[in-house]
């Protein structure tokens, strides 16, 4: 039986803009996805595959997650538990650029 195809959706930065699913910088990555268990599992699977294929370890102590204000506490806790990372309230800047605009 074929495994169900998983599709990770991105987020739009404004109306009618293309969706962004990730941004890559030097040795850092920002991943954007819907905060549901299916997409969290897909992200977790991809990170594990990447670590095995590349031989690199993902530093979960330096990893963090940011949720929109629409996320309820119980779902937030479940996602953080599944990914094994901490939550941040906001990101001040990244590489000297603001992370939140508007």
PDB file of N, CA and C in Angstrom:
ATOM      1  N   UNK A   1       0.838  -1.175   0.000  1.00  0.00           N
ATOM      2  CA  UNK A   1       0.000   0.000   0.000  1.00  0.00           C
ATOM      3  C   UNK A   1       0.888   1.246   0.000  1.00  0.00           C
ATOM      4  N   UNK A   2       0.621   2.174  -0.869  1.00  0.00           N
ATOM      5  CA  UNK A   2       1.415   3.396  -0.981  1.00  0.00           C
ATOM      6  C   UNK A   2       1.136   4.306   0.204  1.00  0.00           C
ATOM      7  N   UNK A   3       2.200   4.903   0.719  1.00  0.00           N
ATOM      8  CA  UNK A   3       2.052   5.831   1.832  1.00  0.00           C
ATOM      9  C   UNK A   3       1.362   7.090   1.342  1.00  0.00           C
ATOM     10  N   UNK A   4       0.495   7.636   2.181  1.00  0.00           N
ATOM     11  CA  UNK A   4      -0.230   8.859   1.830  1.00  0.00           C
ATOM     12  C   UNK A   4       0.754   9.991   1.554  1.00  0.00           C
ATOM     13  N   UNK A   5       0.576  10.663   0.443  1.00  0.00           N
ATOM     14  CA  UNK A   5       1.448  11.790   0.088  1.00  0.00           C
ATOM     15  C   UNK A   5       1.200  12.935   1.043  1.00  0.00           C
ATOM     16  N   UNK A   6       2.278  13.492   1.566  1.00  0.00           N
ATOM     17  CA  UNK A   6       2.172  14.633   2.475  1.00  0.00           C
ATOM     18  C   UNK A   6       2.605  15.880   1.737  1.00  0.00           C
ATOM     19  N   UNK A   7       1.857  16.915   1.920  1.00  0.00           N
ATOM     20  CA  UNK A   7       2.195  18.185   1.299  1.00  0.00           C
ATOM     21  C   UNK A   7       2.287  19.247   2.375  1.00  0.00           C
ATOM     22  N   UNK A   8       3.404  19.917   2.429  1.00  0.00           N
ATOM     23  CA  UNK A   8       3.601  20.978   3.402  1.00  0.00           C
ATOM     24  C   UNK A   8       3.240  22.295   2.739  1.00  0.00           C
ATOM     25  N   UNK A   9       2.321  23.006   3.361  1.00  0.00           N
ATOM     26  CA  UNK A   9       1.880  24.287   2.830  1.00  0.00           C
ATOM     27  C   UNK A   9       2.749  25.387   3.400  1.00  0.00           C
ATOM     28  N   UNK A  10       2.782  26.491   2.739  1.00  0.00           N
ATOM     29  CA  UNK A  10       3.536  27.633   3.228  1.00  0.00           C
ATOM     30  C   UNK A  10       2.603  28.702   3.749  1.00  0.00           C
ATOM     31  N   UNK A  11       3.134  29.875   3.893  1.00  0.00           N
ATOM     32  CA  UNK A  11       2.351  31.016   4.316  1.00  0.00           C
ATOM     33  C   UNK A  11       2.563  32.135   3.314  1.00  0.00           C
ATOM     34  N   UNK A  12       1.564  32.968   3.160  1.00  0.00           N
ATOM     35  CA  UNK A  12       1.680  34.130   2.279  1.00  0.00           C
ATOM     36  C   UNK A  12       2.123  35.329   3.093  1.00  0.00           C
ATOM     37  N   UNK A  13       2.989  36.131   2.515  1.00  0.00           N
ATOM     38  CA  UNK A  13       3.424  37.321   3.226  1.00  0.00           C
ATOM     39  C   UNK A  13       2.436  38.468   3.057  1.00  0.00           C
ATOM     40  N   UNK A  14       1.578  38.376   2.052  1.00  0.00           N
ATOM     41  CA  UNK A  14       0.497  39.334   1.873  1.00  0.00           C
ATOM     42  C   UNK A  14      -0.513  38.721   0.904  1.00  0.00           C
ATOM     43  N   UNK A  15      -1.645  39.354   0.766  1.00  0.00           N
ATOM     44  CA  UNK A  15      -2.676  38.833  -0.135  1.00  0.00           C
ATOM     45  C   UNK A  15      -2.159  38.740  -1.555  1.00  0.00           C
ATOM     46  N   UNK A  16      -2.514  37.680  -2.219  1.00  0.00           N
ATOM     47  CA  UNK A  16      -2.154  37.394  -3.613  1.00  0.00           C
ATOM     48  C   UNK A  16      -0.668  37.168  -3.820  1.00  0.00           C
ATOM     49  N   UNK A  17       0.076  36.988  -2.747  1.00  0.00           N
ATOM     50  CA  UNK A  17       1.508  36.688  -2.872  1.00  0.00           C
ATOM     51  C   UNK A  17       1.695  35.178  -2.916  1.00  0.00           C
ATOM     52  N   UNK A  18       2.804  34.751  -3.460  1.00  0.00           N
ATOM     53  CA  UNK A  18       3.126  33.337  -3.455  1.00  0.00           C
ATOM     54  C   UNK A  18       3.355  32.873  -2.024  1.00  0.00           C
ATOM     55  N   UNK A  19       3.122  31.593  -1.780  1.00  0.00           N
ATOM     56  CA  UNK A  19       3.356  31.026  -0.458  1.00  0.00           C
ATOM     57  C   UNK A  19       4.840  30.741  -0.263  1.00  0.00           C
ATOM     58  N   UNK A  20       5.299  30.952   0.947  1.00  0.00           N
ATOM     59  CA  UNK A  20       6.676  30.658   1.325  1.00  0.00           C
ATOM     60  C   UNK A  20       6.649  29.448   2.234  1.00  0.00           C
ATOM     61  N   UNK A  21       7.465  28.443   1.945  1.00  0.00           N
ATOM     62  CA  UNK A  21       7.522  27.274   2.821  1.00  0.00           C
ATOM     63  C   UNK A  21       8.813  27.233   3.627  1.00  0.00           C
ATOM     64  N   UNK A  22       9.859  27.935   3.157  1.00  0.00           N
ATOM     65  CA  UNK A  22      11.125  27.935   3.884  1.00  0.00           C
ATOM     66  C   UNK A  22      12.044  29.044   3.384  1.00  0.00           C
ATOM     67  N   UNK A  23      12.967  29.428   4.236  1.00  0.00           N
ATOM     68  CA  UNK A  23      14.032  30.353   3.884  1.00  0.00           C
ATOM     69  C   UNK A  23      15.329  29.737   4.383  1.00  0.00           C
ATOM     70  N   UNK A  24      16.366  29.754   3.579  1.00  0.00           N
ATOM     71  CA  UNK A  24      17.641  29.166   3.962  1.00  0.00           C
ATOM     72  C   UNK A  24      18.705  30.250   4.022  1.00  0.00           C
ATOM     73  N   UNK A  25      19.455  30.288   5.115  1.00  0.00           N
ATOM     74  CA  UNK A  25      20.533  31.252   5.312  1.00  0.00           C
ATOM     75  C   UNK A  25      21.758  30.492   5.805  1.00  0.00           C
ATOM     76  N   UNK A  26      22.878  30.634   5.154  1.00  0.00           N
ATOM     77  CA  UNK A  26      24.147  30.032   5.583  1.00  0.00           C
ATOM     78  C   UNK A  26      23.919  28.675   6.247  1.00  0.00           C
ATOM     79  N   UNK A  27      23.897  28.640   7.555  1.00  0.00           N
ATOM     80  CA  UNK A  27      23.686  27.366   8.241  1.00  0.00           C
ATOM     81  C   UNK A  27      22.401  27.362   9.064  1.00  0.00           C
ATOM     82  N   UNK A  28      21.471  28.242   8.742  1.00  0.00           N
ATOM     83  CA  UNK A  28      20.185  28.319   9.435  1.00  0.00           C
ATOM     84  C   UNK A  28      19.041  28.142   8.439  1.00  0.00           C
ATOM     85  N   UNK A  29      17.921  27.693   8.947  1.00  0.00           N
ATOM     86  CA  UNK A  29      16.719  27.539   8.120  1.00  0.00           C
ATOM     87  C   UNK A  29      15.517  28.037   8.893  1.00  0.00           C
ATOM     88  N   UNK A  30      14.612  28.703   8.204  1.00  0.00           N
ATOM     89  CA  UNK A  30      13.317  29.076   8.756  1.00  0.00           C
ATOM     90  C   UNK A  30      12.274  28.292   7.982  1.00  0.00           C
ATOM     91  N   UNK A  31      11.444  27.535   8.685  1.00  0.00           N
ATOM     92  CA  UNK A  31      10.415  26.725   8.050  1.00  0.00           C
ATOM     93  C   UNK A  31       9.051  27.297   8.403  1.00  0.00           C
ATOM     94  N   UNK A  32       8.179  27.373   7.427  1.00  0.00           N
ATOM     95  CA  UNK A  32       6.829  27.878   7.625  1.00  0.00           C
ATOM     96  C   UNK A  32       5.856  26.754   7.308  1.00  0.00           C
ATOM     97  N   UNK A  33       4.927  26.492   8.223  1.00  0.00           N
ATOM     98  CA  UNK A  33       3.940  25.453   7.957  1.00  0.00           C
ATOM     99  C   UNK A  33       2.719  25.666   8.834  1.00  0.00           C
ATOM    100  N   UNK A  34       1.639  25.034   8.422  1.00  0.00           N
ATOM    101  CA  UNK A  34       0.414  25.111   9.207  1.00  0.00           C
ATOM    102  C   UNK A  34       0.605  24.305  10.482  1.00  0.00           C
ATOM    103  N   UNK A  35       0.100  24.815  11.563  1.00  0.00           N
ATOM    104  CA  UNK A  35       0.301  24.186  12.868  1.00  0.00           C
ATOM    105  C   UNK A  35      -0.753  23.108  13.108  1.00  0.00           C
ATOM    106  N   UNK A  36      -0.655  22.036  12.301  1.00  0.00           N
ATOM    107  CA  UNK A  36      -1.516  20.882  12.543  1.00  0.00           C
ATOM    108  C   UNK A  36      -0.621  19.647  12.632  1.00  0.00           C
ATOM    109  N   UNK A  37      -1.139  18.599  13.211  1.00  0.00           N
ATOM    110  CA  UNK A  37      -0.317  17.425  13.495  1.00  0.00           C
ATOM    111  C   UNK A  37       0.238  16.762  12.240  1.00  0.00           C
ATOM    112  N   UNK A  38      -0.502  16.784  11.147  1.00  0.00           N
ATOM    113  CA  UNK A  38      -0.019  16.180   9.903  1.00  0.00           C
ATOM    114  C   UNK A  38       1.222  16.906   9.385  1.00  0.00           C
ATOM    115  N   UNK A  39       1.186  18.227   9.377  1.00  0.00           N
ATOM    116  CA  UNK A  39       2.336  18.976   8.869  1.00  0.00           C
ATOM    117  C   UNK A  39       3.511  18.930   9.846  1.00  0.00           C
ATOM    118  N   UNK A  40       3.221  18.908  11.140  1.00  0.00           N
ATOM    119  CA  UNK A  40       4.298  18.774  12.128  1.00  0.00           C
ATOM    120  C   UNK A  40       5.004  17.435  11.947  1.00  0.00           C
ATOM    121  N   UNK A  41       4.251  16.374  11.713  1.00  0.00           N
ATOM    122  CA  UNK A  41       4.857  15.057  11.493  1.00  0.00           C
ATOM    123  C   UNK A  41       5.686  15.060  10.210  1.00  0.00           C
ATOM    124  N   UNK A  42       5.193  15.721   9.173  1.00  0.00           N
ATOM    125  CA  UNK A  42       5.946  15.796   7.917  1.00  0.00           C
ATOM    126  C   UNK A  42       7.261  16.550   8.124  1.00  0.00           C
ATOM    127  N   UNK A  43       7.234  17.650   8.854  1.00  0.00           N
ATOM    128  CA  UNK A  43       8.455  18.408   9.146  1.00  0.00           C
ATOM    129  C   UNK A  43       9.427  17.546   9.941  1.00  0.00           C
ATOM    130  N   UNK A  44       8.928  16.875  10.951  1.00  0.00           N
ATOM    131  CA  UNK A  44       9.765  16.001  11.777  1.00  0.00           C
ATOM    132  C   UNK A  44      10.419  14.908  10.936  1.00  0.00           C
ATOM    133  N   UNK A  45       9.650  14.299  10.054  1.00  0.00           N
ATOM    134  CA  UNK A  45      10.181  13.247   9.175  1.00  0.00           C
ATOM    135  C   UNK A  45      11.274  13.792   8.255  1.00  0.00           C
ATOM    136  N   UNK A  46      11.043  14.953   7.667  1.00  0.00           N
ATOM    137  CA  UNK A  46      12.022  15.557   6.766  1.00  0.00           C
ATOM    138  C   UNK A  46      13.309  15.889   7.513  1.00  0.00           C
ATOM    139  N   UNK A  47      13.193  16.424   8.728  1.00  0.00           N
ATOM    140  CA  UNK A  47      14.384  16.742   9.511  1.00  0.00           C
ATOM    141  C   UNK A  47      15.191  15.483   9.840  1.00  0.00           C
ATOM    142  N   UNK A  48      14.503  14.402  10.158  1.00  0.00           N
ATOM    143  CA  UNK A  48      15.195  13.138  10.438  1.00  0.00           C
ATOM    144  C   UNK A  48      15.892  12.600   9.196  1.00  0.00           C
ATOM    145  N   UNK A  49      15.223  12.640   8.065  1.00  0.00           N
ATOM    146  CA  UNK A  49      15.813  12.180   6.802  1.00  0.00           C
ATOM    147  C   UNK A  49      17.030  13.023   6.455  1.00  0.00           C
ATOM    148  N   UNK A  50      16.913  14.339   6.627  1.00  0.00           N
ATOM    149  CA  UNK A  50      18.033  15.238   6.348  1.00  0.00           C
ATOM    150  C   UNK A  50      19.237  14.891   7.225  1.00  0.00           C
ATOM    151  N   UNK A  51      18.998  14.702   8.516  1.00  0.00           N
ATOM    152  CA  UNK A  51      20.097  14.401   9.443  1.00  0.00           C
ATOM    153  C   UNK A  51      20.809  13.105   9.058  1.00  0.00           C
ATOM    154  N   UNK A  52      20.052  12.083   8.709  1.00  0.00           N
ATOM    155  CA  UNK A  52      20.655  10.808   8.314  1.00  0.00           C
ATOM    156  C   UNK A  52      21.411  10.946   6.997  1.00  0.00           C
ATOM    157  N   UNK A  53      20.789  11.616   6.022  1.00  0.00           N
ATOM    158  CA  UNK A  53      21.395  11.732   4.690  1.00  0.00           C
ATOM    159  C   UNK A  53      22.638  12.613   4.695  1.00  0.00           C
ATOM    160  N   UNK A  54      22.631  13.682   5.490  1.00  0.00           N
ATOM    161  CA  UNK A  54      23.745  14.626   5.476  1.00  0.00           C
ATOM    162  C   UNK A  54      24.822  14.300   6.503  1.00  0.00           C
ATOM    163  N   UNK A  55      24.463  13.514   7.501  1.00  0.00           N
ATOM    164  CA  UNK A  55      25.400  13.239   8.581  1.00  0.00           C
ATOM    165  C   UNK A  55      25.508  14.388   9.566  1.00  0.00           C
ATOM    166  N   UNK A  56      24.674  15.406   9.393  1.00  0.00           N
ATOM    167  CA  UNK A  56      24.674  16.553  10.298  1.00  0.00           C
ATOM    168  C   UNK A  56      23.631  16.357  11.388  1.00  0.00           C
ATOM    169  N   UNK A  57      23.918  16.886  12.544  1.00  0.00           N
ATOM    170  CA  UNK A  57      22.970  16.823  13.654  1.00  0.00           C
ATOM    171  C   UNK A  57      22.190  18.132  13.731  1.00  0.00           C
ATOM    172  N   UNK A  58      20.923  18.036  14.004  1.00  0.00           N
ATOM    173  CA  UNK A  58      20.096  19.220  14.186  1.00  0.00           C
ATOM    174  C   UNK A  58      20.149  19.580  15.663  1.00  0.00           C
ATOM    175  N   UNK A  59      20.500  20.823  15.960  1.00  0.00           N
ATOM    176  CA  UNK A  59      20.608  21.270  17.341  1.00  0.00           C
ATOM    177  C   UNK A  59      19.233  21.754  17.805  1.00  0.00           C
ATOM    178  N   UNK A  60      18.504  20.872  18.466  1.00  0.00           N
ATOM    179  CA  UNK A  60      17.159  21.217  18.921  1.00  0.00           C
ATOM    180  C   UNK A  60      17.193  22.198  20.095  1.00  0.00           C
ATOM    181  N   UNK A  61      18.334  22.307  20.777  1.00  0.00           N
ATOM    182  CA  UNK A  61      18.458  23.294  21.849  1.00  0.00           C
ATOM    183  C   UNK A  61      18.499  24.714  21.286  1.00  0.00           C
ATOM    184  N   UNK A  62      18.974  24.880  20.069  1.00  0.00           N
ATOM    185  CA  UNK A  62      19.009  26.189  19.419  1.00  0.00           C
ATOM    186  C   UNK A  62      17.782  26.413  18.539  1.00  0.00           C
ATOM    187  N   UNK A  63      16.940  25.412  18.422  1.00  0.00           N
ATOM    188  CA  UNK A  63      15.749  25.510  17.576  1.00  0.00           C
ATOM    189  C   UNK A  63      14.582  26.071  18.390  1.00  0.00           C
ATOM    190  N   UNK A  64      13.686  26.759  17.713  1.00  0.00           N
ATOM    191  CA  UNK A  64      12.518  27.319  18.391  1.00  0.00           C
ATOM    192  C   UNK A  64      11.347  27.397  17.423  1.00  0.00           C
ATOM    193  N   UNK A  65      10.172  27.597  17.987  1.00  0.00           N
ATOM    194  CA  UNK A  65       8.953  27.695  17.202  1.00  0.00           C
ATOM    195  C   UNK A  65       8.219  28.968  17.611  1.00  0.00           C
ATOM    196  N   UNK A  66       7.587  29.591  16.642  1.00  0.00           N
ATOM    197  CA  UNK A  66       6.777  30.782  16.874  1.00  0.00           C
ATOM    198  C   UNK A  66       5.388  30.505  16.321  1.00  0.00           C
ATOM    199  N   UNK A  67       4.354  30.764  17.106  1.00  0.00           N
ATOM    200  CA  UNK A  67       2.974  30.522  16.698  1.00  0.00           C
ATOM    201  C   UNK A  67       2.247  31.837  16.463  1.00  0.00           C
ATOM    202  N   UNK A  68       1.253  31.801  15.587  1.00  0.00           N
ATOM    203  CA  UNK A  68       0.384  32.963  15.421  1.00  0.00           C
ATOM    204  C   UNK A  68      -0.496  33.080  16.659  1.00  0.00           C
ATOM    205  N   UNK A  69      -1.118  34.229  16.839  1.00  0.00           N
ATOM    206  CA  UNK A  69      -1.959  34.444  18.021  1.00  0.00           C
ATOM    207  C   UNK A  69      -3.222  33.591  17.994  1.00  0.00           C
ATOM    208  N   UNK A  70      -3.528  32.980  16.854  1.00  0.00           N
ATOM    209  CA  UNK A  70      -4.728  32.155  16.724  1.00  0.00           C
ATOM    210  C   UNK A  70      -4.576  30.744  17.288  1.00  0.00           C
ATOM    211  N   UNK A  71      -3.362  30.352  17.637  1.00  0.00           N
ATOM    212  CA  UNK A  71      -3.125  28.992  18.120  1.00  0.00           C
ATOM    213  C   UNK A  71      -3.522  28.861  19.588  1.00  0.00           C
ATOM    214  N   UNK A  72      -4.260  27.806  19.892  1.00  0.00           N
ATOM    215  CA  UNK A  72      -4.665  27.553  21.277  1.00  0.00           C
ATOM    216  C   UNK A  72      -3.540  26.850  22.029  1.00  0.00           C
ATOM    217  N   UNK A  73      -3.504  27.018  23.343  1.00  0.00           N
ATOM    218  CA  UNK A  73      -2.438  26.498  24.184  1.00  0.00           C
ATOM    219  C   UNK A  73      -2.222  25.003  24.090  1.00  0.00           C
ATOM    220  N   UNK A  74      -3.285  24.209  24.093  1.00  0.00           N
ATOM    221  CA  UNK A  74      -3.152  22.753  24.057  1.00  0.00           C
ATOM    222  C   UNK A  74      -2.465  22.279  22.774  1.00  0.00           C
ATOM    223  N   UNK A  75      -2.839  22.847  21.656  1.00  0.00           N
ATOM    224  CA  UNK A  75      -2.221  22.480  20.371  1.00  0.00           C
ATOM    225  C   UNK A  75      -0.763  22.934  20.325  1.00  0.00           C
ATOM    226  N   UNK A  76      -0.481  24.091  20.874  1.00  0.00           N
ATOM    227  CA  UNK A  76       0.902  24.587  20.944  1.00  0.00           C
ATOM    228  C   UNK A  76       1.780  23.596  21.699  1.00  0.00           C
ATOM    229  N   UNK A  77       1.295  23.162  22.850  1.00  0.00           N
ATOM    230  CA  UNK A  77       2.070  22.240  23.687  1.00  0.00           C
ATOM    231  C   UNK A  77       2.326  20.923  22.968  1.00  0.00           C
ATOM    232  N   UNK A  78       1.338  20.423  22.278  1.00  0.00           N
ATOM    233  CA  UNK A  78       1.480  19.156  21.541  1.00  0.00           C
ATOM    234  C   UNK A  78       2.525  19.291  20.437  1.00  0.00           C
ATOM    235  N   UNK A  79       2.503  20.388  19.714  1.00  0.00           N
ATOM    236  CA  UNK A  79       3.452  20.611  18.622  1.00  0.00           C
ATOM    237  C   UNK A  79       4.873  20.747  19.159  1.00  0.00           C
ATOM    238  N   UNK A  80       5.038  21.514  20.230  1.00  0.00           N
ATOM    239  CA  UNK A  80       6.367  21.662  20.836  1.00  0.00           C
ATOM    240  C   UNK A  80       6.894  20.318  21.320  1.00  0.00           C
ATOM    241  N   UNK A  81       6.020  19.518  21.875  1.00  0.00           N
ATOM    242  CA  UNK A  81       6.406  18.190  22.350  1.00  0.00           C
ATOM    243  C   UNK A  81       6.834  17.291  21.187  1.00  0.00           C
ATOM    244  N   UNK A  82       6.075  17.296  20.110  1.00  0.00           N
ATOM    245  CA  UNK A  82       6.399  16.456  18.950  1.00  0.00           C
ATOM    246  C   UNK A  82       7.709  16.864  18.298  1.00  0.00           C
ATOM    247  N   UNK A  83       7.964  18.163  18.208  1.00  0.00           N
ATOM    248  CA  UNK A  83       9.185  18.637  17.575  1.00  0.00           C
ATOM    249  C   UNK A  83      10.374  18.651  18.534  1.00  0.00           C
ATOM    250  N   UNK A  84      10.109  18.685  19.824  1.00  0.00           N
ATOM    251  CA  UNK A  84      11.172  18.717  20.809  1.00  0.00           C
ATOM    252  C   UNK A  84      11.899  20.041  20.860  1.00  0.00           C
ATOM    253  N   UNK A  85      11.154  21.131  20.666  1.00  0.00           N
ATOM    254  CA  UNK A  85      11.760  22.463  20.676  1.00  0.00           C
ATOM    255  C   UNK A  85      10.955  23.404  21.562  1.00  0.00           C
ATOM    256  N   UNK A  86      11.557  24.541  21.875  1.00  0.00           N
ATOM    257  CA  UNK A  86      10.917  25.527  22.745  1.00  0.00           C
ATOM    258  C   UNK A  86      10.177  26.575  21.919  1.00  0.00           C
ATOM    259  N   UNK A  87       9.280  27.277  22.576  1.00  0.00           N
ATOM    260  CA  UNK A  87       8.518  28.348  21.936  1.00  0.00           C
ATOM    261  C   UNK A  87       9.136  29.698  22.281  1.00  0.00           C
ATOM    262  N   UNK A  88       9.133  30.601  21.318  1.00  0.00           N
ATOM    263  CA  UNK A  88       9.517  31.983  21.572  1.00  0.00           C
ATOM    264  C   UNK A  88       8.298  32.864  21.319  1.00  0.00           C
ATOM    265  N   UNK A  89       8.217  33.950  22.071  1.00  0.00           N
ATOM    266  CA  UNK A  89       7.085  34.866  21.908  1.00  0.00           C
ATOM    267  C   UNK A  89       7.205  35.711  20.659  1.00  0.00           C
ATOM    268  N   UNK A  90       8.455  36.052  20.322  1.00  0.00           N
ATOM    269  CA  UNK A  90       8.704  36.798  19.091  1.00  0.00           C
ATOM    270  C   UNK A  90      10.194  36.759  18.798  1.00  0.00           C
ATOM    271  N   UNK A  91      10.527  36.986  17.565  1.00  0.00           N
ATOM    272  CA  UNK A  91      11.912  37.083  17.151  1.00  0.00           C
ATOM    273  C   UNK A  91      12.216  38.559  16.958  1.00  0.00           C
ATOM    274  N   UNK A  92      13.226  39.056  17.632  1.00  0.00           N
ATOM    275  CA  UNK A  92      13.588  40.465  17.487  1.00  0.00           C
ATOM    276  C   UNK A  92      14.080  40.733  16.056  1.00  0.00           C
ATOM    277  N   UNK A  93      15.122  40.028  15.654  1.00  0.00           N
ATOM    278  CA  UNK A  93      15.664  40.197  14.310  1.00  0.00           C
ATOM    279  C   UNK A  93      16.411  38.932  13.926  1.00  0.00           C
ATOM    280  N   UNK A  94      16.665  38.797  12.649  1.00  0.00           N
ATOM    281  CA  UNK A  94      17.425  37.670  12.149  1.00  0.00           C
ATOM    282  C   UNK A  94      18.414  38.208  11.114  1.00  0.00           C
ATOM    283  N   UNK A  95      19.684  37.985  11.346  1.00  0.00           N
ATOM    284  CA  UNK A  95      20.745  38.522  10.488  1.00  0.00           C
ATOM    285  C   UNK A  95      20.604  40.030  10.329  1.00  0.00           C
ATOM    286  N   UNK A  96      20.185  40.688  11.414  1.00  0.00           N
ATOM    287  CA  UNK A  96      20.074  42.145  11.413  1.00  0.00           C
ATOM    288  C   UNK A  96      18.806  42.692  10.796  1.00  0.00           C
ATOM    289  N   UNK A  97      17.925  41.829  10.318  1.00  0.00           N
ATOM    290  CA  UNK A  97      16.688  42.273   9.691  1.00  0.00           C
ATOM    291  C   UNK A  97      15.498  41.963  10.604  1.00  0.00           C
ATOM    292  N   UNK A  98      14.462  42.812  10.603  1.00  0.00           N
ATOM    293  CA  UNK A  98      13.289  42.516  11.435  1.00  0.00           C
ATOM    294  C   UNK A  98      12.568  41.286  10.906  1.00  0.00           C
ATOM    295  N   UNK A  99      12.075  40.464  11.817  1.00  0.00           N
ATOM    296  CA  UNK A  99      11.366  39.252  11.390  1.00  0.00           C
ATOM    297  C   UNK A  99       9.873  39.471  11.279  1.00  0.00           C
ATOM    298  N   UNK A 100       9.352  40.439  11.982  1.00  0.00           N
ATOM    299  CA  UNK A 100       7.917  40.731  11.928  1.00  0.00           C
ATOM    300  C   UNK A 100       7.716  42.112  11.359  1.00  0.00           C
ATOM    301  N   UNK A 101       6.895  42.203  10.332  1.00  0.00           N
ATOM    302  CA  UNK A 101       6.599  43.483   9.700  1.00  0.00           C
ATOM    303  C   UNK A 101       5.095  43.616   9.620  1.00  0.00           C
ATOM    304  N   UNK A 102       4.571  44.750  10.060  1.00  0.00           N
ATOM    305  CA  UNK A 102       3.143  44.999   9.965  1.00  0.00           C
ATOM    306  C   UNK A 102       2.353  44.478  11.139  1.00  0.00           C
TER     307      UNK A 102
END
